[in-house]
PDB file of all heavy atoms in Angstrom:
ATOM      1  N   SER A   1      12.105 -15.116   8.120  1.00  0.00           N
ATOM      2  CA  SER A   1      10.951 -16.014   8.115  1.00  0.00           C
ATOM      3  C   SER A   1       9.691 -15.368   7.546  1.00  0.00           C
ATOM      4  O   SER A   1       8.626 -15.988   7.509  1.00  0.00           O
ATOM      5  CB  SER A   1      10.667 -16.511   9.543  1.00  0.00           C
ATOM      6  OG  SER A   1      10.312 -15.432  10.392  1.00  0.00           O
ATOM      7  N   CYS A   2       9.828 -14.132   7.079  1.00  0.00           N
ATOM      8  CA  CYS A   2       8.686 -13.393   6.535  1.00  0.00           C
ATOM      9  C   CYS A   2       8.102 -14.120   5.317  1.00  0.00           C
ATOM     10  O   CYS A   2       8.836 -14.530   4.418  1.00  0.00           O
ATOM     11  CB  CYS A   2       9.143 -11.982   6.150  1.00  0.00           C
ATOM     12  SG  CYS A   2       7.910 -11.028   5.254  1.00  0.00           S
ATOM     13  N   ARG A   3       6.792 -14.267   5.296  1.00  0.00           N
ATOM     14  CA  ARG A   3       6.103 -14.892   4.166  1.00  0.00           C
ATOM     15  C   ARG A   3       5.653 -13.782   3.210  1.00  0.00           C
ATOM     16  O   ARG A   3       4.565 -13.222   3.368  1.00  0.00           O
ATOM     17  CB  ARG A   3       4.924 -15.725   4.652  1.00  0.00           C
ATOM     18  CG  ARG A   3       5.341 -16.930   5.500  1.00  0.00           C
ATOM     19  CD  ARG A   3       4.122 -17.653   6.068  1.00  0.00           C
ATOM     20  NE  ARG A   3       3.216 -18.103   5.022  1.00  0.00           N
ATOM     21  CZ  ARG A   3       3.299 -19.265   4.387  1.00  0.00           C
ATOM     22  NH1 ARG A   3       4.283 -20.117   4.710  1.00  0.00           N
ATOM     23  NH2 ARG A   3       2.432 -19.604   3.473  1.00  0.00           N
ATOM     24  N   ILE A   4       6.502 -13.477   2.252  1.00  0.00           N
ATOM     25  CA  ILE A   4       6.254 -12.372   1.338  1.00  0.00           C
ATOM     26  C   ILE A   4       4.938 -12.527   0.590  1.00  0.00           C
ATOM     27  O   ILE A   4       4.222 -11.548   0.343  1.00  0.00           O
ATOM     28  CB  ILE A   4       7.418 -12.229   0.333  1.00  0.00           C
ATOM     29  CG1 ILE A   4       8.707 -11.817   1.065  1.00  0.00           C
ATOM     30  CG2 ILE A   4       7.088 -11.217  -0.749  1.00  0.00           C
ATOM     31  CD1 ILE A   4       8.653 -10.439   1.679  1.00  0.00           C
ATOM     32  N   ASP A   5       4.596 -13.769   0.248  1.00  0.00           N
ATOM     33  CA  ASP A   5       3.375 -13.994  -0.527  1.00  0.00           C
ATOM     34  C   ASP A   5       2.115 -13.682   0.265  1.00  0.00           C
ATOM     35  O   ASP A   5       1.030 -13.552  -0.325  1.00  0.00           O
ATOM     36  CB  ASP A   5       3.333 -15.437  -1.025  1.00  0.00           C
ATOM     37  CG  ASP A   5       4.393 -15.725  -2.082  1.00  0.00           C
ATOM     38  OD1 ASP A   5       4.895 -14.749  -2.676  1.00  0.00           O
ATOM     39  OD2 ASP A   5       4.722 -16.899  -2.296  1.00  0.00           O
ATOM     40  N   ASP A   6       2.241 -13.570   1.581  1.00  0.00           N
ATOM     41  CA  ASP A   6       1.086 -13.235   2.413  1.00  0.00           C
ATOM     42  C   ASP A   6       0.891 -11.723   2.567  1.00  0.00           C
ATOM     43  O   ASP A   6      -0.052 -11.283   3.223  1.00  0.00           O
ATOM     44  CB  ASP A   6       1.238 -13.858   3.807  1.00  0.00           C
ATOM     45  CG  ASP A   6       1.167 -15.380   3.771  1.00  0.00           C
ATOM     46  OD1 ASP A   6       0.663 -15.919   2.757  1.00  0.00           O
ATOM     47  OD2 ASP A   6       1.623 -16.026   4.733  1.00  0.00           O
ATOM     48  N   ILE A   7       1.781 -10.957   1.975  1.00  0.00           N
ATOM     49  CA  ILE A   7       1.736  -9.506   2.106  1.00  0.00           C
ATOM     50  C   ILE A   7       1.182  -8.876   0.832  1.00  0.00           C
ATOM     51  O   ILE A   7       1.508  -9.302  -0.280  1.00  0.00           O
ATOM     52  CB  ILE A   7       3.143  -8.933   2.389  1.00  0.00           C
ATOM     53  CG1 ILE A   7       3.657  -9.469   3.735  1.00  0.00           C
ATOM     54  CG2 ILE A   7       3.140  -7.405   2.392  1.00  0.00           C
ATOM     55  CD1 ILE A   7       5.082  -9.059   4.038  1.00  0.00           C
ATOM     56  N   THR A   8       0.343  -7.879   0.990  1.00  0.00           N
ATOM     57  CA  THR A   8      -0.211  -7.141  -0.144  1.00  0.00           C
ATOM     58  C   THR A   8       0.555  -5.831  -0.312  1.00  0.00           C
ATOM     59  O   THR A   8       0.704  -5.072   0.649  1.00  0.00           O
ATOM     60  CB  THR A   8      -1.703  -6.834   0.076  1.00  0.00           C
ATOM     61  OG1 THR A   8      -2.419  -8.064   0.217  1.00  0.00           O
ATOM     62  CG2 THR A   8      -2.277  -6.058  -1.103  1.00  0.00           C
ATOM     63  N   PHE A   9       1.030  -5.587  -1.526  1.00  0.00           N
ATOM     64  CA  PHE A   9       1.797  -4.376  -1.810  1.00  0.00           C
ATOM     65  C   PHE A   9       1.028  -3.475  -2.775  1.00  0.00           C
ATOM     66  O   PHE A   9       0.392  -3.951  -3.720  1.00  0.00           O
ATOM     67  CB  PHE A   9       3.149  -4.720  -2.440  1.00  0.00           C
ATOM     68  CG  PHE A   9       4.091  -5.460  -1.528  1.00  0.00           C
ATOM     69  CD1 PHE A   9       4.157  -6.851  -1.549  1.00  0.00           C
ATOM     70  CD2 PHE A   9       4.922  -4.758  -0.655  1.00  0.00           C
ATOM     71  CE1 PHE A   9       5.035  -7.530  -0.716  1.00  0.00           C
ATOM     72  CE2 PHE A   9       5.806  -5.431   0.178  1.00  0.00           C
ATOM     73  CZ  PHE A   9       5.863  -6.823   0.154  1.00  0.00           C
ATOM     74  N   PHE A  10       1.113  -2.179  -2.526  1.00  0.00           N
ATOM     75  CA  PHE A  10       0.580  -1.179  -3.438  1.00  0.00           C
ATOM     76  C   PHE A  10       1.764  -0.328  -3.914  1.00  0.00           C
ATOM     77  O   PHE A  10       2.583   0.083  -3.107  1.00  0.00           O
ATOM     78  CB  PHE A  10      -0.445  -0.276  -2.743  1.00  0.00           C
ATOM     79  CG  PHE A  10      -1.558  -1.035  -2.076  1.00  0.00           C
ATOM     80  CD1 PHE A  10      -1.513  -1.305  -0.713  1.00  0.00           C
ATOM     81  CD2 PHE A  10      -2.641  -1.486  -2.806  1.00  0.00           C
ATOM     82  CE1 PHE A  10      -2.527  -2.011  -0.092  1.00  0.00           C
ATOM     83  CE2 PHE A  10      -3.666  -2.195  -2.185  1.00  0.00           C
ATOM     84  CZ  PHE A  10      -3.612  -2.468  -0.838  1.00  0.00           C
ATOM     85  N   ILE A  11       1.853  -0.077  -5.208  1.00  0.00           N
ATOM     86  CA  ILE A  11       2.997   0.634  -5.770  1.00  0.00           C
ATOM     87  C   ILE A  11       2.680   2.135  -5.883  1.00  0.00           C
ATOM     88  O   ILE A  11       1.673   2.529  -6.470  1.00  0.00           O
ATOM     89  CB  ILE A  11       3.381   0.091  -7.154  1.00  0.00           C
ATOM     90  CG1 ILE A  11       3.577  -1.432  -7.088  1.00  0.00           C
ATOM     91  CG2 ILE A  11       4.645   0.779  -7.661  1.00  0.00           C
ATOM     92  CD1 ILE A  11       4.644  -1.878  -6.113  1.00  0.00           C
ATOM     93  N   LEU A  12       3.565   2.949  -5.313  1.00  0.00           N
ATOM     94  CA  LEU A  12       3.434   4.400  -5.383  1.00  0.00           C
ATOM     95  C   LEU A  12       4.721   4.971  -5.965  1.00  0.00           C
ATOM     96  O   LEU A  12       5.765   4.979  -5.323  1.00  0.00           O
ATOM     97  CB  LEU A  12       3.205   4.982  -3.976  1.00  0.00           C
ATOM     98  CG  LEU A  12       3.235   6.512  -3.857  1.00  0.00           C
ATOM     99  CD1 LEU A  12       2.139   7.135  -4.697  1.00  0.00           C
ATOM    100  CD2 LEU A  12       3.104   6.938  -2.408  1.00  0.00           C
ATOM    101  N   ASN A  13       4.656   5.432  -7.220  1.00  0.00           N
ATOM    102  CA  ASN A  13       5.825   6.041  -7.859  1.00  0.00           C
ATOM    103  C   ASN A  13       5.354   7.126  -8.817  1.00  0.00           C
ATOM    104  O   ASN A  13       4.190   7.553  -8.776  1.00  0.00           O
ATOM    105  CB  ASN A  13       6.682   4.988  -8.566  1.00  0.00           C
ATOM    106  CG  ASN A  13       5.896   4.179  -9.582  1.00  0.00           C
ATOM    107  OD1 ASN A  13       4.950   4.678 -10.209  1.00  0.00           O
ATOM    108  ND2 ASN A  13       6.263   2.922  -9.758  1.00  0.00           N
ATOM    109  N   GLU A  14       6.244   7.576  -9.700  1.00  0.00           N
ATOM    110  CA  GLU A  14       5.892   8.680 -10.590  1.00  0.00           C
ATOM    111  C   GLU A  14       4.811   8.314 -11.590  1.00  0.00           C
ATOM    112  O   GLU A  14       4.208   9.190 -12.225  1.00  0.00           O
ATOM    113  CB  GLU A  14       7.144   9.168 -11.343  1.00  0.00           C
ATOM    114  CG  GLU A  14       7.735   8.196 -12.346  1.00  0.00           C
ATOM    115  CD  GLU A  14       8.720   7.225 -11.715  1.00  0.00           C
ATOM    116  OE1 GLU A  14       8.741   7.098 -10.468  1.00  0.00           O
ATOM    117  OE2 GLU A  14       9.482   6.587 -12.466  1.00  0.00           O
ATOM    118  N   HIS A  15       4.531   7.014 -11.749  1.00  0.00           N
ATOM    119  CA  HIS A  15       3.511   6.574 -12.694  1.00  0.00           C
ATOM    120  C   HIS A  15       2.142   6.381 -12.039  1.00  0.00           C
ATOM    121  O   HIS A  15       1.147   6.151 -12.731  1.00  0.00           O
ATOM    122  CB  HIS A  15       3.938   5.259 -13.354  1.00  0.00           C
ATOM    123  CG  HIS A  15       5.261   5.331 -14.055  1.00  0.00           C
ATOM    124  ND1 HIS A  15       5.493   6.165 -15.122  1.00  0.00           N
ATOM    125  CD2 HIS A  15       6.435   4.683 -13.820  1.00  0.00           C
ATOM    126  CE1 HIS A  15       6.742   6.024 -15.528  1.00  0.00           C
ATOM    127  NE2 HIS A  15       7.340   5.139 -14.759  1.00  0.00           N
ATOM    128  N   THR A  16       2.083   6.486 -10.733  1.00  0.00           N
ATOM    129  CA  THR A  16       0.827   6.270 -10.016  1.00  0.00           C
ATOM    130  C   THR A  16      -0.139   7.421 -10.274  1.00  0.00           C
ATOM    131  O   THR A  16       0.244   8.593 -10.194  1.00  0.00           O
ATOM    132  CB  THR A  16       1.075   6.155  -8.501  1.00  0.00           C
ATOM    133  OG1 THR A  16       2.040   5.122  -8.270  1.00  0.00           O
ATOM    134  CG2 THR A  16      -0.212   5.796  -7.776  1.00  0.00           C
ATOM    135  N   ARG A  17      -1.369   7.082 -10.591  1.00  0.00           N
ATOM    136  CA  ARG A  17      -2.379   8.106 -10.842  1.00  0.00           C
ATOM    137  C   ARG A  17      -2.930   8.637  -9.518  1.00  0.00           C
ATOM    138  O   ARG A  17      -3.054   7.915  -8.539  1.00  0.00           O
ATOM    139  CB  ARG A  17      -3.510   7.516 -11.681  1.00  0.00           C
ATOM    140  CG  ARG A  17      -3.078   7.016 -13.056  1.00  0.00           C
ATOM    141  CD  ARG A  17      -4.185   6.233 -13.729  1.00  0.00           C
ATOM    142  NE  ARG A  17      -4.554   5.053 -12.939  1.00  0.00           N
ATOM    143  CZ  ARG A  17      -5.514   4.200 -13.266  1.00  0.00           C
ATOM    144  NH1 ARG A  17      -6.220   4.403 -14.371  1.00  0.00           N
ATOM    145  NH2 ARG A  17      -5.780   3.160 -12.505  1.00  0.00           N
ATOM    146  N   GLU A  18      -3.266   9.911  -9.515  1.00  0.00           N
ATOM    147  CA  GLU A  18      -3.734  10.545  -8.282  1.00  0.00           C
ATOM    148  C   GLU A  18      -4.972   9.860  -7.712  1.00  0.00           C
ATOM    149  O   GLU A  18      -5.135   9.739  -6.502  1.00  0.00           O
ATOM    150  CB  GLU A  18      -4.023  12.022  -8.547  1.00  0.00           C
ATOM    151  CG  GLU A  18      -4.320  12.819  -7.287  1.00  0.00           C
ATOM    152  CD  GLU A  18      -4.386  14.303  -7.532  1.00  0.00           C
ATOM    153  OE1 GLU A  18      -3.952  14.755  -8.609  1.00  0.00           O
ATOM    154  OE2 GLU A  18      -4.886  15.022  -6.643  1.00  0.00           O
ATOM    155  N   LYS A  19      -5.839   9.380  -8.601  1.00  0.00           N
ATOM    156  CA  LYS A  19      -7.063   8.740  -8.124  1.00  0.00           C
ATOM    157  C   LYS A  19      -6.780   7.421  -7.403  1.00  0.00           C
ATOM    158  O   LYS A  19      -7.614   6.927  -6.634  1.00  0.00           O
ATOM    159  CB  LYS A  19      -8.042   8.501  -9.280  1.00  0.00           C
ATOM    160  CG  LYS A  19      -7.556   7.508 -10.328  1.00  0.00           C
ATOM    161  CD  LYS A  19      -8.602   7.352 -11.424  1.00  0.00           C
ATOM    162  CE  LYS A  19      -8.187   6.315 -12.463  1.00  0.00           C
ATOM    163  NZ  LYS A  19      -9.207   6.156 -13.524  1.00  0.00           N
ATOM    164  N   ASP A  20      -5.579   6.851  -7.638  1.00  0.00           N
ATOM    165  CA  ASP A  20      -5.225   5.600  -6.975  1.00  0.00           C
ATOM    166  C   ASP A  20      -4.849   5.799  -5.513  1.00  0.00           C
ATOM    167  O   ASP A  20      -4.874   4.853  -4.729  1.00  0.00           O
ATOM    168  CB  ASP A  20      -4.057   4.915  -7.705  1.00  0.00           C
ATOM    169  CG  ASP A  20      -4.462   4.393  -9.075  1.00  0.00           C
ATOM    170  OD1 ASP A  20      -5.633   4.037  -9.242  1.00  0.00           O
ATOM    171  OD2 ASP A  20      -3.598   4.356  -9.970  1.00  0.00           O
ATOM    172  N   PHE A  21      -4.435   7.026  -5.153  1.00  0.00           N
ATOM    173  CA  PHE A  21      -4.016   7.272  -3.776  1.00  0.00           C
ATOM    174  C   PHE A  21      -5.127   6.933  -2.784  1.00  0.00           C
ATOM    175  O   PHE A  21      -4.882   6.364  -1.723  1.00  0.00           O
ATOM    176  CB  PHE A  21      -3.598   8.740  -3.588  1.00  0.00           C
ATOM    177  CG  PHE A  21      -2.407   9.143  -4.409  1.00  0.00           C
ATOM    178  CD1 PHE A  21      -2.243  10.445  -4.827  1.00  0.00           C
ATOM    179  CD2 PHE A  21      -1.446   8.210  -4.777  1.00  0.00           C
ATOM    180  CE1 PHE A  21      -1.149  10.826  -5.581  1.00  0.00           C
ATOM    181  CE2 PHE A  21      -0.347   8.575  -5.536  1.00  0.00           C
ATOM    182  CZ  PHE A  21      -0.196   9.884  -5.937  1.00  0.00           C
ATOM    183  N   GLU A  22      -6.347   7.290  -3.139  1.00  0.00           N
ATOM    184  CA  GLU A  22      -7.485   6.994  -2.260  1.00  0.00           C
ATOM    185  C   GLU A  22      -7.651   5.487  -2.093  1.00  0.00           C
ATOM    186  O   GLU A  22      -7.948   5.003  -0.994  1.00  0.00           O
ATOM    187  CB  GLU A  22      -8.771   7.599  -2.836  1.00  0.00           C
ATOM    188  CG  GLU A  22      -8.804   9.114  -2.910  1.00  0.00           C
ATOM    189  CD  GLU A  22      -9.248   9.746  -1.611  1.00  0.00           C
ATOM    190  OE1 GLU A  22      -9.551   8.994  -0.664  1.00  0.00           O
ATOM    191  OE2 GLU A  22      -9.276  10.991  -1.558  1.00  0.00           O
ATOM    192  N   ASN A  23      -7.420   4.745  -3.177  1.00  0.00           N
ATOM    193  CA  ASN A  23      -7.594   3.292  -3.124  1.00  0.00           C
ATOM    194  C   ASN A  23      -6.598   2.635  -2.168  1.00  0.00           C
ATOM    195  O   ASN A  23      -6.901   1.612  -1.549  1.00  0.00           O
ATOM    196  CB  ASN A  23      -7.438   2.683  -4.518  1.00  0.00           C
ATOM    197  CG  ASN A  23      -8.520   3.146  -5.474  1.00  0.00           C
ATOM    198  OD1 ASN A  23      -9.621   3.505  -5.052  1.00  0.00           O
ATOM    199  ND2 ASN A  23      -8.215   3.156  -6.765  1.00  0.00           N
ATOM    200  N   PHE A  24      -5.391   3.217  -2.037  1.00  0.00           N
ATOM    201  CA  PHE A  24      -4.381   2.645  -1.155  1.00  0.00           C
ATOM    202  C   PHE A  24      -4.871   2.554   0.286  1.00  0.00           C
ATOM    203  O   PHE A  24      -4.461   1.678   1.045  1.00  0.00           O
ATOM    204  CB  PHE A  24      -3.101   3.486  -1.180  1.00  0.00           C
ATOM    205  CG  PHE A  24      -2.375   3.464  -2.497  1.00  0.00           C
ATOM    206  CD1 PHE A  24      -1.506   4.488  -2.832  1.00  0.00           C
ATOM    207  CD2 PHE A  24      -2.550   2.437  -3.400  1.00  0.00           C
ATOM    208  CE1 PHE A  24      -0.825   4.477  -4.040  1.00  0.00           C
ATOM    209  CE2 PHE A  24      -1.877   2.410  -4.608  1.00  0.00           C
ATOM    210  CZ  PHE A  24      -1.013   3.437  -4.923  1.00  0.00           C
ATOM    211  N   LEU A  25      -5.733   3.486   0.667  1.00  0.00           N
ATOM    212  CA  LEU A  25      -6.154   3.572   2.068  1.00  0.00           C
ATOM    213  C   LEU A  25      -7.482   2.877   2.342  1.00  0.00           C
ATOM    214  O   LEU A  25      -7.981   2.935   3.458  1.00  0.00           O
ATOM    215  CB  LEU A  25      -6.243   5.043   2.492  1.00  0.00           C
ATOM    216  CG  LEU A  25      -4.895   5.787   2.517  1.00  0.00           C
ATOM    217  CD1 LEU A  25      -5.110   7.256   2.843  1.00  0.00           C
ATOM    218  CD2 LEU A  25      -3.950   5.159   3.534  1.00  0.00           C
ATOM    219  N   GLN A  26      -8.041   2.227   1.347  1.00  0.00           N
ATOM    220  CA  GLN A  26      -9.326   1.551   1.561  1.00  0.00           C
ATOM    221  C   GLN A  26      -9.232   0.481   2.648  1.00  0.00           C
ATOM    222  O   GLN A  26     -10.151   0.287   3.435  1.00  0.00           O
ATOM    223  CB  GLN A  26      -9.818   0.932   0.245  1.00  0.00           C
ATOM    224  CG  GLN A  26     -10.291   1.950  -0.769  1.00  0.00           C
ATOM    225  CD  GLN A  26     -11.374   2.866  -0.232  1.00  0.00           C
ATOM    226  OE1 GLN A  26     -12.377   2.409   0.339  1.00  0.00           O
ATOM    227  NE2 GLN A  26     -11.167   4.162  -0.398  1.00  0.00           N
ATOM    228  N   TYR A  27      -8.083  -0.208   2.691  1.00  0.00           N
ATOM    229  CA  TYR A  27      -7.925  -1.245   3.710  1.00  0.00           C
ATOM    230  C   TYR A  27      -7.865  -0.629   5.105  1.00  0.00           C
ATOM    231  O   TYR A  27      -8.343  -1.214   6.078  1.00  0.00           O
ATOM    232  CB  TYR A  27      -6.668  -2.066   3.440  1.00  0.00           C
ATOM    233  CG  TYR A  27      -6.827  -3.040   2.295  1.00  0.00           C
ATOM    234  CD1 TYR A  27      -6.523  -2.671   0.994  1.00  0.00           C
ATOM    235  CD2 TYR A  27      -7.318  -4.330   2.508  1.00  0.00           C
ATOM    236  CE1 TYR A  27      -6.677  -3.560  -0.064  1.00  0.00           C
ATOM    237  CE2 TYR A  27      -7.475  -5.222   1.460  1.00  0.00           C
ATOM    238  CZ  TYR A  27      -7.157  -4.830   0.176  1.00  0.00           C
ATOM    239  OH  TYR A  27      -7.327  -5.704  -0.880  1.00  0.00           O
ATOM    240  N   ALA A  28      -7.269   0.535   5.223  1.00  0.00           N
ATOM    241  CA  ALA A  28      -7.223   1.216   6.517  1.00  0.00           C
ATOM    242  C   ALA A  28      -8.618   1.652   6.942  1.00  0.00           C
ATOM    243  O   ALA A  28      -8.992   1.555   8.123  1.00  0.00           O
ATOM    244  CB  ALA A  28      -6.297   2.430   6.453  1.00  0.00           C
ATOM    245  N   LEU A  29      -9.393   2.124   5.993  1.00  0.00           N
ATOM    246  CA  LEU A  29     -10.769   2.527   6.305  1.00  0.00           C
ATOM    247  C   LEU A  29     -11.603   1.325   6.744  1.00  0.00           C
ATOM    248  O   LEU A  29     -12.614   1.481   7.436  1.00  0.00           O
ATOM    249  CB  LEU A  29     -11.406   3.202   5.090  1.00  0.00           C
ATOM    250  CG  LEU A  29     -10.752   4.513   4.636  1.00  0.00           C
ATOM    251  CD1 LEU A  29     -11.412   5.036   3.359  1.00  0.00           C
ATOM    252  CD2 LEU A  29     -10.829   5.564   5.737  1.00  0.00           C
ATOM    253  N   SER A  30     -11.164   0.134   6.354  1.00  0.00           N
ATOM    254  CA  SER A  30     -11.870  -1.104   6.732  1.00  0.00           C
ATOM    255  C   SER A  30     -11.320  -1.710   8.018  1.00  0.00           C
ATOM    256  O   SER A  30     -11.741  -2.797   8.418  1.00  0.00           O
ATOM    257  CB  SER A  30     -11.770  -2.129   5.600  1.00  0.00           C
ATOM    258  OG  SER A  30     -12.310  -1.615   4.400  1.00  0.00           O
ATOM    259  N   GLY A  31     -10.346  -1.027   8.652  1.00  0.00           N
ATOM    260  CA  GLY A  31      -9.846  -1.498   9.942  1.00  0.00           C
ATOM    261  C   GLY A  31      -8.477  -2.142   9.929  1.00  0.00           C
ATOM    262  O   GLY A  31      -8.009  -2.647  10.960  1.00  0.00           O
ATOM    263  N   ASN A  32      -7.799  -2.133   8.779  1.00  0.00           N
ATOM    264  CA  ASN A  32      -6.467  -2.738   8.686  1.00  0.00           C
ATOM    265  C   ASN A  32      -5.361  -1.690   8.796  1.00  0.00           C
ATOM    266  O   ASN A  32      -5.474  -0.592   8.246  1.00  0.00           O
ATOM    267  CB  ASN A  32      -6.316  -3.468   7.347  1.00  0.00           C
ATOM    268  CG  ASN A  32      -7.315  -4.585   7.178  1.00  0.00           C
ATOM    269  OD1 ASN A  32      -7.174  -5.658   7.753  1.00  0.00           O
ATOM    270  ND2 ASN A  32      -8.351  -4.324   6.388  1.00  0.00           N
ATOM    271  N   ASN A  33      -4.277  -2.039   9.474  1.00  0.00           N
ATOM    272  CA  ASN A  33      -3.116  -1.167   9.529  1.00  0.00           C
ATOM    273  C   ASN A  33      -2.306  -1.294   8.243  1.00  0.00           C
ATOM    274  O   ASN A  33      -2.176  -2.390   7.686  1.00  0.00           O
ATOM    275  CB  ASN A  33      -2.223  -1.520  10.723  1.00  0.00           C
ATOM    276  CG  ASN A  33      -2.910  -1.245  12.044  1.00  0.00           C
ATOM    277  OD1 ASN A  33      -3.670  -0.277  12.172  1.00  0.00           O
ATOM    278  ND2 ASN A  33      -2.657  -2.086  13.036  1.00  0.00           N
ATOM    279  N   ILE A  34      -1.736  -0.181   7.776  1.00  0.00           N
ATOM    280  CA  ILE A  34      -0.958  -0.152   6.541  1.00  0.00           C
ATOM    281  C   ILE A  34       0.374   0.541   6.812  1.00  0.00           C
ATOM    282  O   ILE A  34       0.441   1.509   7.569  1.00  0.00           O
ATOM    283  CB  ILE A  34      -1.709   0.598   5.422  1.00  0.00           C
ATOM    284  CG1 ILE A  34      -3.045  -0.085   5.117  1.00  0.00           C
ATOM    285  CG2 ILE A  34      -0.868   0.668   4.148  1.00  0.00           C
ATOM    286  CD1 ILE A  34      -3.852   0.615   4.039  1.00  0.00           C
ATOM    287  N   GLY A  35       1.427   0.045   6.181  1.00  0.00           N
ATOM    288  CA  GLY A  35       2.728   0.676   6.301  1.00  0.00           C
ATOM    289  C   GLY A  35       3.106   1.405   5.022  1.00  0.00           C
ATOM    290  O   GLY A  35       2.977   0.855   3.929  1.00  0.00           O
ATOM    291  N   LEU A  36       3.540   2.651   5.156  1.00  0.00           N
ATOM    292  CA  LEU A  36       4.094   3.407   4.029  1.00  0.00           C
ATOM    293  C   LEU A  36       5.606   3.277   4.131  1.00  0.00           C
ATOM    294  O   LEU A  36       6.239   3.860   5.012  1.00  0.00           O
ATOM    295  CB  LEU A  36       3.655   4.868   4.094  1.00  0.00           C
ATOM    296  CG  LEU A  36       4.220   5.819   3.033  1.00  0.00           C
ATOM    297  CD1 LEU A  36       3.885   5.335   1.633  1.00  0.00           C
ATOM    298  CD2 LEU A  36       3.698   7.222   3.253  1.00  0.00           C
ATOM    299  N   LEU A  37       6.181   2.471   3.259  1.00  0.00           N
ATOM    300  CA  LEU A  37       7.586   2.092   3.351  1.00  0.00           C
ATOM    301  C   LEU A  37       8.419   2.919   2.370  1.00  0.00           C
ATOM    302  O   LEU A  37       8.228   2.839   1.160  1.00  0.00           O
ATOM    303  CB  LEU A  37       7.734   0.599   3.044  1.00  0.00           C
ATOM    304  CG  LEU A  37       9.092  -0.056   3.280  1.00  0.00           C
ATOM    305  CD1 LEU A  37       9.412  -0.110   4.768  1.00  0.00           C
ATOM    306  CD2 LEU A  37       9.103  -1.470   2.700  1.00  0.00           C
ATOM    307  N   SER A  38       9.337   3.722   2.899  1.00  0.00           N
ATOM    308  CA  SER A  38      10.184   4.549   2.049  1.00  0.00           C
ATOM    309  C   SER A  38      11.163   3.694   1.266  1.00  0.00           C
ATOM    310  O   SER A  38      11.530   2.592   1.676  1.00  0.00           O
ATOM    311  CB  SER A  38      10.945   5.560   2.906  1.00  0.00           C
ATOM    312  OG  SER A  38      11.863   6.286   2.129  1.00  0.00           O
ATOM    313  N   GLU A  39      11.615   4.203   0.116  1.00  0.00           N
ATOM    314  CA  GLU A  39      12.655   3.534  -0.655  1.00  0.00           C
ATOM    315  C   GLU A  39      13.997   3.658   0.048  1.00  0.00           C
ATOM    316  O   GLU A  39      14.800   2.743   0.071  1.00  0.00           O
ATOM    317  CB  GLU A  39      12.727   4.146  -2.062  1.00  0.00           C
ATOM    318  CG  GLU A  39      13.722   3.502  -2.986  1.00  0.00           C
ATOM    319  CD  GLU A  39      13.303   2.118  -3.474  1.00  0.00           C
ATOM    320  OE1 GLU A  39      12.179   1.675  -3.152  1.00  0.00           O
ATOM    321  OE2 GLU A  39      14.105   1.481  -4.168  1.00  0.00           O
ATOM    322  N   ALA A  40      14.237   4.836   0.639  1.00  0.00           N
ATOM    323  CA  ALA A  40      15.445   5.085   1.430  1.00  0.00           C
ATOM    324  C   ALA A  40      15.207   6.350   2.245  1.00  0.00           C
ATOM    325  O   ALA A  40      14.816   7.370   1.693  1.00  0.00           O
ATOM    326  CB  ALA A  40      16.674   5.256   0.549  1.00  0.00           C
TER     327      ALA A  40
END
């Protein structure tokens, strides 16, 4: 029943720039919980 369209995803892979890592956590700094989901 998960509403995928209501979820915000950030992509972290070999193409991700280092400066983007800080941006991933901006929502946490604003009070939101974030999940770091492993591929496996």
